[in-house]
Amino acid sequence: KSPTSPKKMMRQKRDQRKKNLIRQAYEYSKLCDADVCLGIRIRESSQVTTFLSDSTGFWSGLSSQLETYYPRPIQITAKGFDFNPATDEDDSTAAHKLKAAKTI
């Protein structure tokens, strides 16, 4: 087994932090009854990931602006985010998108 390169370790750490940040934004929106908009742009690849928790469309202007962005932003919403804090498992479509984003 070859040792993991420092660049790969940094990317894995970055992806884990992004996942945790999105999870925390989701939890905050639920626990505090707040509309949350989180945007993350990886400078190296220009990949954008957004998390929008509102169901009212308050942040919809941001989504429409990002539709023309390349590479296509990964958009995650609270509606599809089923996180179970007790088991630390996330099986939703949004979570799968986030996991798939790691390979991009």
N, C-alpha and C. Protein backbone atom coordinates (compact mmCIF):
# COMPACT_ATOMS: atom_id res chain seq x y z
N LYS A 1 0.85 -1.19 0.00
CA LYS A 1 0.00 0.00 0.00
C LYS A 1 0.89 1.24 0.00
N SER A 2 0.67 2.10 -0.98
CA SER A 2 1.49 3.30 -1.08
C SER A 2 0.98 4.38 -0.13
N PRO A 3 1.89 5.19 0.38
CA PRO A 3 1.46 6.28 1.27
C PRO A 3 0.61 7.29 0.52
N THR A 4 -0.32 7.89 1.22
CA THR A 4 -1.20 8.89 0.62
C THR A 4 -0.43 10.18 0.40
N SER A 5 -0.59 10.76 -0.77
CA SER A 5 0.13 11.99 -1.08
C SER A 5 -0.44 13.14 -0.25
N PRO A 6 0.40 14.13 0.06
CA PRO A 6 -0.08 15.28 0.84
C PRO A 6 -1.24 16.01 0.15
N LYS A 7 -1.20 16.08 -1.19
CA LYS A 7 -2.26 16.76 -1.93
C LYS A 7 -3.59 16.02 -1.78
N LYS A 8 -3.53 14.69 -1.84
CA LYS A 8 -4.75 13.88 -1.68
C LYS A 8 -5.29 14.01 -0.26
N MET A 9 -4.39 14.00 0.72
CA MET A 9 -4.83 14.14 2.12
C MET A 9 -5.51 15.49 2.33
N MET A 10 -4.94 16.54 1.73
CA MET A 10 -5.52 17.87 1.87
C MET A 10 -6.90 17.93 1.22
N ARG A 11 -7.04 17.31 0.04
CA ARG A 11 -8.33 17.29 -0.65
C ARG A 11 -9.38 16.53 0.16
N GLN A 12 -8.98 15.40 0.76
CA GLN A 12 -9.91 14.63 1.58
C GLN A 12 -10.34 15.42 2.80
N LYS A 13 -9.40 16.12 3.42
CA LYS A 13 -9.70 16.94 4.59
C LYS A 13 -10.65 18.08 4.20
N ARG A 14 -10.38 18.71 3.05
CA ARG A 14 -11.23 19.80 2.56
C ARG A 14 -12.65 19.30 2.30
N ASP A 15 -12.77 18.13 1.65
CA ASP A 15 -14.09 17.58 1.35
C ASP A 15 -14.85 17.23 2.62
N GLN A 16 -14.16 16.70 3.61
CA GLN A 16 -14.81 16.37 4.88
C GLN A 16 -15.28 17.63 5.59
N ARG A 17 -14.46 18.67 5.57
CA ARG A 17 -14.86 19.94 6.19
C ARG A 17 -16.07 20.55 5.48
N LYS A 18 -16.09 20.45 4.15
CA LYS A 18 -17.23 20.96 3.39
C LYS A 18 -18.50 20.21 3.77
N LYS A 19 -18.40 18.90 3.85
CA LYS A 19 -19.55 18.08 4.23
C LYS A 19 -20.05 18.46 5.63
N ASN A 20 -19.12 18.65 6.56
CA ASN A 20 -19.49 19.03 7.93
C ASN A 20 -20.12 20.42 7.97
N LEU A 21 -19.60 21.34 7.18
CA LEU A 21 -20.14 22.70 7.15
C LEU A 21 -21.57 22.70 6.62
N ILE A 22 -21.83 21.92 5.58
CA ILE A 22 -23.18 21.82 5.03
C ILE A 22 -24.12 21.16 6.03
N ARG A 23 -23.64 20.13 6.71
CA ARG A 23 -24.45 19.47 7.73
C ARG A 23 -24.80 20.45 8.84
N GLN A 24 -23.83 21.25 9.27
CA GLN A 24 -24.09 22.23 10.33
C GLN A 24 -25.07 23.31 9.86
N ALA A 25 -24.96 23.72 8.62
CA ALA A 25 -25.91 24.71 8.08
C ALA A 25 -27.32 24.14 8.08
N TYR A 26 -27.45 22.87 7.70
CA TYR A 26 -28.76 22.20 7.71
C TYR A 26 -29.31 22.13 9.13
N GLU A 27 -28.47 21.70 10.07
CA GLU A 27 -28.92 21.59 11.47
C GLU A 27 -29.32 22.95 12.01
N TYR A 28 -28.56 23.99 11.72
CA TYR A 28 -28.89 25.34 12.18
C TYR A 28 -30.24 25.77 11.63
N SER A 29 -30.48 25.49 10.36
CA SER A 29 -31.75 25.90 9.76
C SER A 29 -32.93 25.22 10.43
N LYS A 30 -32.76 23.96 10.81
CA LYS A 30 -33.84 23.22 11.46
C LYS A 30 -34.01 23.63 12.92
N LEU A 31 -32.91 23.68 13.66
CA LEU A 31 -32.99 23.96 15.09
C LEU A 31 -33.39 25.40 15.39
N CYS A 32 -32.99 26.33 14.53
CA CYS A 32 -33.24 27.75 14.78
C CYS A 32 -34.34 28.33 13.90
N ASP A 33 -35.01 27.48 13.13
CA ASP A 33 -36.07 27.92 12.23
C ASP A 33 -35.60 29.12 11.40
N ALA A 34 -34.48 28.92 10.71
CA ALA A 34 -33.86 29.99 9.93
C ALA A 34 -33.66 29.57 8.49
N ASP A 35 -33.71 30.54 7.59
CA ASP A 35 -33.36 30.30 6.19
C ASP A 35 -31.85 30.49 6.06
N VAL A 36 -31.17 29.48 5.56
CA VAL A 36 -29.71 29.51 5.46
C VAL A 36 -29.29 29.37 4.00
N CYS A 37 -28.34 30.18 3.61
CA CYS A 37 -27.73 30.09 2.29
C CYS A 37 -26.23 29.98 2.50
N LEU A 38 -25.64 28.90 1.99
CA LEU A 38 -24.21 28.68 2.14
C LEU A 38 -23.62 28.44 0.75
N GLY A 39 -22.59 29.16 0.43
CA GLY A 39 -21.90 28.96 -0.85
C GLY A 39 -20.44 28.67 -0.61
N ILE A 40 -19.94 27.64 -1.28
CA ILE A 40 -18.54 27.26 -1.17
C ILE A 40 -17.98 27.17 -2.58
N ARG A 41 -16.89 27.87 -2.84
CA ARG A 41 -16.21 27.80 -4.15
C ARG A 41 -14.78 27.36 -3.93
N ILE A 42 -14.42 26.25 -4.54
CA ILE A 42 -13.05 25.76 -4.47
C ILE A 42 -12.25 26.53 -5.52
N ARG A 43 -11.31 27.32 -5.09
CA ARG A 43 -10.58 28.19 -6.02
C ARG A 43 -9.83 27.40 -7.09
N GLU A 44 -9.21 26.30 -6.69
CA GLU A 44 -8.40 25.50 -7.61
C GLU A 44 -9.20 25.01 -8.82
N SER A 45 -10.41 24.52 -8.58
CA SER A 45 -11.22 23.94 -9.65
C SER A 45 -12.40 24.82 -10.08
N SER A 46 -12.65 25.88 -9.34
CA SER A 46 -13.80 26.77 -9.54
C SER A 46 -15.13 26.06 -9.31
N GLN A 47 -15.11 24.89 -8.67
CA GLN A 47 -16.35 24.16 -8.38
C GLN A 47 -17.11 24.86 -7.26
N VAL A 48 -18.39 25.11 -7.51
CA VAL A 48 -19.25 25.78 -6.54
C VAL A 48 -20.24 24.78 -5.99
N THR A 49 -20.42 24.80 -4.67
CA THR A 49 -21.44 24.01 -4.01
C THR A 49 -22.29 24.98 -3.20
N THR A 50 -23.61 24.88 -3.36
CA THR A 50 -24.49 25.74 -2.57
C THR A 50 -25.43 24.88 -1.74
N PHE A 51 -25.78 25.40 -0.58
CA PHE A 51 -26.80 24.80 0.27
C PHE A 51 -27.83 25.88 0.55
N LEU A 52 -29.08 25.60 0.19
CA LEU A 52 -30.18 26.53 0.44
C LEU A 52 -31.23 25.81 1.27
N SER A 53 -31.53 26.35 2.44
CA SER A 53 -32.48 25.68 3.32
C SER A 53 -33.89 26.22 3.21
N ASP A 54 -34.05 27.36 2.55
CA ASP A 54 -35.37 28.00 2.58
C ASP A 54 -36.36 27.34 1.63
N SER A 55 -37.59 27.30 2.06
CA SER A 55 -38.67 26.78 1.22
C SER A 55 -39.51 27.92 0.65
N THR A 56 -39.18 29.14 1.03
CA THR A 56 -39.96 30.30 0.61
C THR A 56 -39.46 30.92 -0.69
N GLY A 57 -38.28 30.54 -1.13
CA GLY A 57 -37.71 31.13 -2.33
C GLY A 57 -36.92 32.39 -2.07
N PHE A 58 -36.64 32.66 -0.81
CA PHE A 58 -35.92 33.87 -0.43
C PHE A 58 -34.57 33.97 -1.15
N TRP A 59 -33.88 32.84 -1.29
CA TRP A 59 -32.55 32.83 -1.90
C TRP A 59 -32.60 32.44 -3.38
N SER A 60 -33.76 32.38 -4.00
CA SER A 60 -33.87 31.89 -5.38
C SER A 60 -33.08 32.73 -6.38
N GLY A 61 -32.87 33.99 -6.10
CA GLY A 61 -32.09 34.84 -7.00
C GLY A 61 -30.66 34.34 -7.15
N LEU A 62 -30.11 33.85 -6.07
CA LEU A 62 -28.75 33.30 -6.11
C LEU A 62 -28.70 32.07 -7.01
N SER A 63 -29.67 31.20 -6.87
CA SER A 63 -29.71 29.98 -7.69
C SER A 63 -29.77 30.32 -9.18
N SER A 64 -30.60 31.29 -9.54
CA SER A 64 -30.73 31.63 -10.95
C SER A 64 -29.44 32.26 -11.49
N GLN A 65 -28.73 33.01 -10.66
CA GLN A 65 -27.46 33.59 -11.08
C GLN A 65 -26.42 32.51 -11.33
N LEU A 66 -26.41 31.49 -10.50
CA LEU A 66 -25.40 30.44 -10.61
C LEU A 66 -25.67 29.45 -11.73
N GLU A 67 -26.88 29.46 -12.31
CA GLU A 67 -27.21 28.52 -13.38
C GLU A 67 -26.31 28.68 -14.60
N THR A 68 -25.77 29.87 -14.81
CA THR A 68 -24.91 30.11 -15.97
C THR A 68 -23.44 29.84 -15.66
N TYR A 69 -23.13 29.51 -14.44
CA TYR A 69 -21.75 29.30 -14.01
C TYR A 69 -21.21 27.97 -14.51
N TYR A 70 -19.91 27.92 -14.84
CA TYR A 70 -19.27 26.67 -15.25
C TYR A 70 -18.01 26.48 -14.41
N PRO A 71 -17.78 25.29 -13.89
CA PRO A 71 -18.60 24.09 -13.98
C PRO A 71 -19.91 24.25 -13.21
N ARG A 72 -20.93 23.48 -13.62
CA ARG A 72 -22.25 23.58 -13.01
C ARG A 72 -22.15 23.44 -11.49
N PRO A 73 -22.76 24.35 -10.76
CA PRO A 73 -22.75 24.26 -9.30
C PRO A 73 -23.50 23.03 -8.80
N ILE A 74 -23.03 22.49 -7.71
CA ILE A 74 -23.73 21.42 -7.02
C ILE A 74 -24.69 22.12 -6.06
N GLN A 75 -25.97 21.91 -6.25
CA GLN A 75 -26.97 22.59 -5.42
C GLN A 75 -27.63 21.59 -4.49
N ILE A 76 -27.55 21.89 -3.20
CA ILE A 76 -28.12 21.03 -2.17
C ILE A 76 -29.18 21.83 -1.43
N THR A 77 -30.31 21.21 -1.18
CA THR A 77 -31.38 21.88 -0.43
C THR A 77 -31.73 21.08 0.81
N ALA A 78 -32.35 21.74 1.76
CA ALA A 78 -32.76 21.07 2.99
C ALA A 78 -33.84 20.03 2.71
N LYS A 79 -34.62 20.25 1.66
CA LYS A 79 -35.72 19.34 1.34
C LYS A 79 -35.22 17.91 1.11
N GLY A 80 -34.07 17.77 0.47
CA GLY A 80 -33.55 16.44 0.18
C GLY A 80 -32.47 15.98 1.13
N PHE A 81 -32.22 16.73 2.17
CA PHE A 81 -31.13 16.43 3.08
C PHE A 81 -31.66 15.71 4.31
N ASP A 82 -31.52 14.40 4.35
CA ASP A 82 -32.01 13.61 5.49
C ASP A 82 -30.82 13.16 6.31
N PHE A 83 -30.44 13.98 7.25
CA PHE A 83 -29.29 13.66 8.09
C PHE A 83 -29.78 13.17 9.44
N ASN A 84 -29.24 12.06 9.89
CA ASN A 84 -29.59 11.50 11.19
C ASN A 84 -28.41 11.70 12.12
N PRO A 85 -28.44 12.74 13.00
CA PRO A 85 -27.30 13.02 13.86
C PRO A 85 -26.97 11.89 14.82
N ALA A 86 -27.95 11.07 15.16
CA ALA A 86 -27.71 9.98 16.10
C ALA A 86 -26.79 8.92 15.51
N THR A 87 -26.91 8.69 14.20
CA THR A 87 -26.09 7.65 13.57
C THR A 87 -25.01 8.24 12.67
N ASP A 88 -25.02 9.57 12.49
CA ASP A 88 -24.08 10.25 11.61
C ASP A 88 -24.14 9.68 10.20
N GLU A 89 -25.36 9.31 9.76
CA GLU A 89 -25.55 8.79 8.41
C GLU A 89 -26.40 9.75 7.61
N ASP A 90 -26.04 9.92 6.37
CA ASP A 90 -26.85 10.75 5.49
C ASP A 90 -27.07 9.98 4.20
N ASP A 91 -28.32 9.56 3.97
CA ASP A 91 -28.66 8.70 2.84
C ASP A 91 -29.45 9.41 1.76
N SER A 92 -29.60 10.69 1.85
CA SER A 92 -30.46 11.40 0.91
C SER A 92 -29.78 11.63 -0.44
N THR A 93 -30.56 12.08 -1.37
CA THR A 93 -30.05 12.43 -2.69
C THR A 93 -29.01 13.53 -2.57
N ALA A 94 -29.29 14.52 -1.74
CA ALA A 94 -28.36 15.63 -1.57
C ALA A 94 -27.03 15.14 -1.03
N ALA A 95 -27.08 14.23 -0.08
CA ALA A 95 -25.85 13.70 0.49
C ALA A 95 -25.07 12.92 -0.55
N HIS A 96 -25.77 12.18 -1.41
CA HIS A 96 -25.10 11.45 -2.48
C HIS A 96 -24.45 12.41 -3.47
N LYS A 97 -25.11 13.53 -3.75
CA LYS A 97 -24.53 14.54 -4.63
C LYS A 97 -23.25 15.08 -4.01
N LEU A 98 -23.28 15.30 -2.69
CA LEU A 98 -22.11 15.82 -2.01
C LEU A 98 -20.98 14.81 -2.06
N LYS A 99 -21.29 13.53 -1.86
CA LYS A 99 -20.27 12.49 -1.94
C LYS A 99 -19.73 12.39 -3.36
N ALA A 100 -20.60 12.50 -4.35
CA ALA A 100 -20.17 12.43 -5.75
C ALA A 100 -19.28 13.61 -6.11
N ALA A 101 -19.51 14.73 -5.46
CA ALA A 101 -18.71 15.93 -5.75
C ALA A 101 -17.26 15.73 -5.37
N LYS A 102 -17.00 14.82 -4.46
CA LYS A 102 -15.62 14.56 -4.04
C LYS A 102 -14.79 14.03 -5.20
N THR A 103 -15.42 13.35 -6.12
CA THR A 103 -14.68 12.75 -7.22
C THR A 103 -14.46 13.70 -8.38
N ILE A 104 -15.10 14.86 -8.35
CA ILE A 104 -14.98 15.84 -9.45
C ILE A 104 -13.70 16.61 -9.30
